[in-house]
Amino acid sequence: MEFWIIMIGFLCIGESCSLAGTWWSKKKKEENTEEKKNKL
């Protein structure tokens, strides 16, 4: 039973990490464009 809890936990963490990764890359791109505007 514990094995399944760990497996489901890893799956949830993996999905949340992939979602966070896409969100993070979008956020970083927005920050980079803002920084370029500020420099100009």
N, C-alpha and C. Protein backbone atom coordinates (compact mmCIF):
# COMPACT_ATOMS: atom_id res chain seq x y z
N MET A 1 0.85 -1.21 0.00
CA MET A 1 0.00 0.00 0.00
C MET A 1 0.88 1.26 0.00
N GLU A 2 1.92 1.25 0.81
CA GLU A 2 2.80 2.43 0.87
C GLU A 2 3.43 2.71 -0.49
N PHE A 3 3.75 1.62 -1.21
CA PHE A 3 4.37 1.75 -2.53
C PHE A 3 3.49 2.58 -3.44
N TRP A 4 2.18 2.31 -3.43
CA TRP A 4 1.26 3.03 -4.31
C TRP A 4 1.16 4.50 -3.91
N ILE A 5 1.17 4.76 -2.61
CA ILE A 5 1.10 6.16 -2.14
C ILE A 5 2.33 6.92 -2.64
N ILE A 6 3.50 6.27 -2.55
CA ILE A 6 4.74 6.92 -3.01
C ILE A 6 4.68 7.15 -4.52
N MET A 7 4.21 6.13 -5.27
CA MET A 7 4.14 6.26 -6.72
C MET A 7 3.20 7.39 -7.13
N ILE A 8 2.03 7.46 -6.52
CA ILE A 8 1.06 8.51 -6.83
C ILE A 8 1.65 9.88 -6.47
N GLY A 9 2.37 9.92 -5.34
CA GLY A 9 3.01 11.17 -4.91
C GLY A 9 4.02 11.65 -5.93
N PHE A 10 4.85 10.69 -6.44
CA PHE A 10 5.85 11.06 -7.44
C PHE A 10 5.20 11.55 -8.72
N LEU A 11 4.10 10.89 -9.12
CA LEU A 11 3.40 11.31 -10.34
C LEU A 11 2.86 12.74 -10.17
N CYS A 12 2.27 13.01 -9.02
CA CYS A 12 1.72 14.35 -8.77
C CYS A 12 2.83 15.38 -8.76
N ILE A 13 3.95 15.05 -8.12
CA ILE A 13 5.08 15.99 -8.05
C ILE A 13 5.62 16.24 -9.46
N GLY A 14 5.74 15.16 -10.25
CA GLY A 14 6.25 15.30 -11.62
C GLY A 14 5.36 16.19 -12.46
N GLU A 15 4.05 15.99 -12.35
CA GLU A 15 3.10 16.82 -13.13
C GLU A 15 3.17 18.26 -12.69
N SER A 16 3.22 18.49 -11.37
CA SER A 16 3.25 19.86 -10.87
C SER A 16 4.56 20.53 -11.27
N CYS A 17 5.66 19.75 -11.30
CA CYS A 17 6.96 20.32 -11.69
C CYS A 17 6.94 20.71 -13.17
N SER A 18 6.35 19.86 -14.01
CA SER A 18 6.31 20.17 -15.44
C SER A 18 5.44 21.41 -15.68
N LEU A 19 4.32 21.50 -14.94
CA LEU A 19 3.46 22.68 -15.05
C LEU A 19 4.20 23.91 -14.55
N ALA A 20 4.89 23.77 -13.43
CA ALA A 20 5.65 24.89 -12.88
C ALA A 20 6.77 25.28 -13.83
N GLY A 21 7.37 24.29 -14.50
CA GLY A 21 8.45 24.58 -15.44
C GLY A 21 7.97 25.45 -16.59
N THR A 22 6.81 25.12 -17.16
CA THR A 22 6.29 25.91 -18.27
C THR A 22 5.91 27.31 -17.77
N TRP A 23 5.30 27.35 -16.58
CA TRP A 23 4.89 28.65 -16.02
C TRP A 23 6.14 29.48 -15.71
N TRP A 24 7.17 28.81 -15.17
CA TRP A 24 8.39 29.51 -14.78
C TRP A 24 9.09 30.09 -16.01
N SER A 25 9.15 29.30 -17.10
CA SER A 25 9.82 29.78 -18.31
C SER A 25 9.06 30.98 -18.88
N LYS A 26 7.74 30.95 -18.82
CA LYS A 26 6.95 32.09 -19.30
C LYS A 26 7.23 33.32 -18.44
N LYS A 27 7.28 33.11 -17.12
CA LYS A 27 7.52 34.22 -16.21
C LYS A 27 8.91 34.80 -16.45
N LYS A 28 9.90 33.93 -16.65
CA LYS A 28 11.27 34.41 -16.89
C LYS A 28 11.33 35.22 -18.18
N LYS A 29 10.65 34.77 -19.21
CA LYS A 29 10.65 35.50 -20.48
C LYS A 29 10.05 36.90 -20.28
N GLU A 30 8.97 36.97 -19.52
CA GLU A 30 8.33 38.27 -19.28
C GLU A 30 9.28 39.18 -18.51
N GLU A 31 9.98 38.63 -17.52
CA GLU A 31 10.92 39.44 -16.73
C GLU A 31 12.06 39.93 -17.61
N ASN A 32 12.55 39.07 -18.50
CA ASN A 32 13.66 39.45 -19.38
C ASN A 32 13.23 40.60 -20.29
N THR A 33 12.04 40.56 -20.83
CA THR A 33 11.59 41.63 -21.73
C THR A 33 11.44 42.93 -20.94
N GLU A 34 10.96 42.83 -19.70
CA GLU A 34 10.82 44.02 -18.87
C GLU A 34 12.18 44.63 -18.58
N GLU A 35 13.17 43.77 -18.29
CA GLU A 35 14.51 44.26 -17.98
C GLU A 35 15.10 44.98 -19.20
N LYS A 36 14.90 44.45 -20.38
CA LYS A 36 15.41 45.08 -21.59
C LYS A 36 14.77 46.46 -21.80
N LYS A 37 13.46 46.55 -21.53
CA LYS A 37 12.77 47.84 -21.67
C LYS A 37 13.34 48.86 -20.67
N ASN A 38 13.60 48.40 -19.44
CA ASN A 38 14.14 49.30 -18.42
C ASN A 38 15.53 49.79 -18.81
N LYS A 39 16.34 48.93 -19.42
CA LYS A 39 17.70 49.33 -19.82
C LYS A 39 17.62 50.38 -20.92
N LEU A 40 16.69 50.22 -21.85
CA LEU A 40 16.54 51.21 -22.92
C LEU A 40 15.99 52.51 -22.35
